[in-house]
Structure formats: structure tokens, C-alpha cells
Amino acid sequence: MSKTALAREAQNKLNAANQNFTRAAAERDHAVRDARNSGVSATELAAHLGLSRQQIHKIIKGA
């Protein structure tokens, strides 16, 4: 396989990974908002997800 074909294949894999990441982040954000709207505290969400409370608040606000 040529070097350009290898680079193109690597780029295609990276593009797919970025798309998967974007979808997963959107699903996580939706789940965080849903949990918060159901009464789960930002502190509890942060602890379970390994995020800071500030990150949880950014997700909730849609930042």
C-alpha cells in the first residue's frame, strides 16, 4: 500500500473516531441534563462521571 493510501486510511479512521466521539458526547450531555432534571445533583453526577461540577454545569447550560 502506498504512503498516501496509508495516510488516507488513517485520516478516514480519524474522521470516523471524531464522529463517534461527537455522537457519544451528545448522548452523554443528554443523559446528564435528563438526570439533573430528575433531581440528581451536579456533585453526584460529577462523581459518577469523573468530571468536575463546573464541567457538569457547562453541559447543563449547553456550553
N, C-alpha and C. Protein backbone atom coordinates (compact mmCIF):
# COMPACT_ATOMS: atom_id res chain seq x y z
N MET A 1 0.85 -1.18 0.00
CA MET A 1 0.00 0.00 0.00
C MET A 1 0.89 1.24 0.00
N SER A 2 0.54 2.23 -0.81
CA SER A 2 1.37 3.44 -0.90
C SER A 2 1.25 4.27 0.37
N LYS A 3 2.21 5.14 0.53
CA LYS A 3 2.21 6.01 1.72
C LYS A 3 1.01 6.95 1.71
N THR A 4 0.59 7.42 0.56
CA THR A 4 -0.58 8.29 0.51
C THR A 4 -1.85 7.52 0.83
N ALA A 5 -1.91 6.27 0.41
CA ALA A 5 -3.07 5.43 0.73
C ALA A 5 -3.12 5.16 2.23
N LEU A 6 -1.97 4.95 2.84
CA LEU A 6 -1.91 4.74 4.30
C LEU A 6 -2.37 6.00 5.03
N ALA A 7 -1.91 7.15 4.55
CA ALA A 7 -2.32 8.42 5.18
C ALA A 7 -3.81 8.64 5.01
N ARG A 8 -4.36 8.33 3.84
CA ARG A 8 -5.79 8.49 3.60
C ARG A 8 -6.59 7.55 4.50
N GLU A 9 -6.12 6.32 4.64
CA GLU A 9 -6.79 5.36 5.51
C GLU A 9 -6.77 5.84 6.97
N ALA A 10 -5.63 6.36 7.41
CA ALA A 10 -5.52 6.88 8.77
C ALA A 10 -6.46 8.07 8.96
N GLN A 11 -6.55 8.93 7.96
CA GLN A 11 -7.45 10.09 8.04
C GLN A 11 -8.90 9.64 8.11
N ASN A 12 -9.27 8.64 7.33
CA ASN A 12 -10.63 8.11 7.37
C ASN A 12 -10.96 7.55 8.75
N LYS A 13 -10.01 6.85 9.36
CA LYS A 13 -10.21 6.31 10.71
C LYS A 13 -10.38 7.44 11.72
N LEU A 14 -9.58 8.47 11.58
CA LEU A 14 -9.66 9.62 12.47
C LEU A 14 -11.00 10.33 12.32
N ASN A 15 -11.47 10.48 11.09
CA ASN A 15 -12.77 11.11 10.85
C ASN A 15 -13.89 10.30 11.50
N ALA A 16 -13.84 8.99 11.37
CA ALA A 16 -14.86 8.13 11.97
C ALA A 16 -14.81 8.23 13.49
N ALA A 17 -13.60 8.25 14.05
CA ALA A 17 -13.46 8.37 15.51
C ALA A 17 -14.02 9.70 16.00
N ASN A 18 -13.77 10.76 15.27
CA ASN A 18 -14.30 12.08 15.65
C ASN A 18 -15.82 12.09 15.60
N GLN A 19 -16.41 11.45 14.60
CA GLN A 19 -17.86 11.37 14.51
C GLN A 19 -18.43 10.57 15.68
N ASN A 20 -17.77 9.46 16.01
CA ASN A 20 -18.22 8.65 17.15
C ASN A 20 -18.11 9.43 18.45
N PHE A 21 -17.03 10.18 18.61
CA PHE A 21 -16.84 10.99 19.80
C PHE A 21 -17.94 12.03 19.92
N THR A 22 -18.26 12.70 18.83
CA THR A 22 -19.29 13.74 18.83
C THR A 22 -20.64 13.15 19.22
N ARG A 23 -20.97 11.99 18.66
CA ARG A 23 -22.24 11.33 19.00
C ARG A 23 -22.27 10.92 20.47
N ALA A 24 -21.17 10.34 20.94
CA ALA A 24 -21.11 9.89 22.34
C ALA A 24 -21.22 11.07 23.30
N ALA A 25 -20.55 12.17 22.98
CA ALA A 25 -20.63 13.36 23.83
C ALA A 25 -22.05 13.91 23.87
N ALA A 26 -22.73 13.90 22.74
CA ALA A 26 -24.12 14.38 22.70
C ALA A 26 -25.02 13.48 23.53
N GLU A 27 -24.82 12.17 23.45
CA GLU A 27 -25.60 11.24 24.27
C GLU A 27 -25.34 11.46 25.75
N ARG A 28 -24.07 11.64 26.10
CA ARG A 28 -23.71 11.91 27.50
C ARG A 28 -24.36 13.19 27.98
N ASP A 29 -24.28 14.23 27.18
CA ASP A 29 -24.84 15.52 27.56
C ASP A 29 -26.35 15.41 27.78
N HIS A 30 -27.02 14.70 26.90
CA HIS A 30 -28.46 14.50 27.04
C HIS A 30 -28.76 13.74 28.34
N ALA A 31 -27.99 12.70 28.62
CA ALA A 31 -28.20 11.91 29.84
C ALA A 31 -27.93 12.75 31.09
N VAL A 32 -26.92 13.60 31.05
CA VAL A 32 -26.61 14.47 32.19
C VAL A 32 -27.76 15.44 32.43
N ARG A 33 -28.25 16.07 31.37
CA ARG A 33 -29.37 17.01 31.52
C ARG A 33 -30.61 16.30 32.05
N ASP A 34 -30.85 15.11 31.52
CA ASP A 34 -32.01 14.33 31.96
C ASP A 34 -31.89 13.97 33.44
N ALA A 35 -30.72 13.51 33.85
CA ALA A 35 -30.51 13.15 35.25
C ALA A 35 -30.64 14.38 36.15
N ARG A 36 -30.08 15.49 35.72
CA ARG A 36 -30.16 16.72 36.52
C ARG A 36 -31.60 17.18 36.65
N ASN A 37 -32.37 17.09 35.56
CA ASN A 37 -33.78 17.47 35.60
C ASN A 37 -34.60 16.53 36.47
N SER A 38 -34.08 15.33 36.71
CA SER A 38 -34.76 14.35 37.57
C SER A 38 -34.34 14.49 39.03
N GLY A 39 -33.48 15.45 39.31
CA GLY A 39 -33.12 15.72 40.70
C GLY A 39 -31.75 15.25 41.14
N VAL A 40 -30.99 14.64 40.24
CA VAL A 40 -29.63 14.21 40.61
C VAL A 40 -28.76 15.46 40.70
N SER A 41 -28.00 15.57 41.78
CA SER A 41 -27.18 16.77 41.97
C SER A 41 -25.99 16.79 41.02
N ALA A 42 -25.50 17.99 40.75
CA ALA A 42 -24.32 18.14 39.91
C ALA A 42 -23.12 17.47 40.57
N THR A 43 -23.04 17.53 41.88
CA THR A 43 -21.94 16.89 42.60
C THR A 43 -21.97 15.38 42.40
N GLU A 44 -23.16 14.80 42.50
CA GLU A 44 -23.29 13.35 42.32
C GLU A 44 -22.96 12.95 40.87
N LEU A 45 -23.47 13.71 39.93
CA LEU A 45 -23.16 13.42 38.52
C LEU A 45 -21.65 13.51 38.27
N ALA A 46 -21.04 14.55 38.79
CA ALA A 46 -19.60 14.73 38.61
C ALA A 46 -18.83 13.55 39.18
N ALA A 47 -19.22 13.10 40.36
CA ALA A 47 -18.52 11.98 40.99
C ALA A 47 -18.66 10.70 40.16
N HIS A 48 -19.83 10.45 39.65
CA HIS A 48 -20.07 9.23 38.88
C HIS A 48 -19.41 9.26 37.50
N LEU A 49 -19.25 10.44 36.95
CA LEU A 49 -18.69 10.55 35.59
C LEU A 49 -17.21 10.90 35.58
N GLY A 50 -16.66 11.21 36.73
CA GLY A 50 -15.25 11.59 36.78
C GLY A 50 -15.00 12.97 36.19
N LEU A 51 -16.00 13.84 36.32
CA LEU A 51 -15.90 15.21 35.84
C LEU A 51 -15.98 16.16 37.02
N SER A 52 -15.68 17.42 36.77
CA SER A 52 -15.84 18.43 37.82
C SER A 52 -17.28 18.93 37.81
N ARG A 53 -17.70 19.54 38.90
CA ARG A 53 -19.03 20.15 38.94
C ARG A 53 -19.16 21.25 37.89
N GLN A 54 -18.05 21.95 37.67
CA GLN A 54 -18.06 23.02 36.67
C GLN A 54 -18.34 22.45 35.27
N GLN A 55 -17.74 21.29 34.98
CA GLN A 55 -17.99 20.66 33.68
C GLN A 55 -19.45 20.23 33.56
N ILE A 56 -20.01 19.72 34.66
CA ILE A 56 -21.42 19.33 34.65
C ILE A 56 -22.29 20.55 34.38
N HIS A 57 -21.98 21.67 35.02
CA HIS A 57 -22.77 22.89 34.81
C HIS A 57 -22.65 23.39 33.36
N LYS A 58 -21.46 23.25 32.76
CA LYS A 58 -21.30 23.64 31.36
C LYS A 58 -22.16 22.76 30.46
N ILE A 59 -22.21 21.47 30.76
CA ILE A 59 -23.04 20.55 29.97
C ILE A 59 -24.49 20.93 30.11
N ILE A 60 -24.92 21.20 31.33
CA ILE A 60 -26.33 21.54 31.57
C ILE A 60 -26.71 22.81 30.82
N LYS A 61 -25.80 23.78 30.80
CA LYS A 61 -26.08 25.05 30.12
C LYS A 61 -25.92 24.94 28.61
N GLY A 62 -25.40 23.82 28.15
CA GLY A 62 -25.24 23.62 26.72
C GLY A 62 -23.98 24.22 26.15
N ALA A 63 -23.02 24.50 27.02
CA ALA A 63 -21.76 25.10 26.56
C ALA A 63 -20.87 24.08 25.90
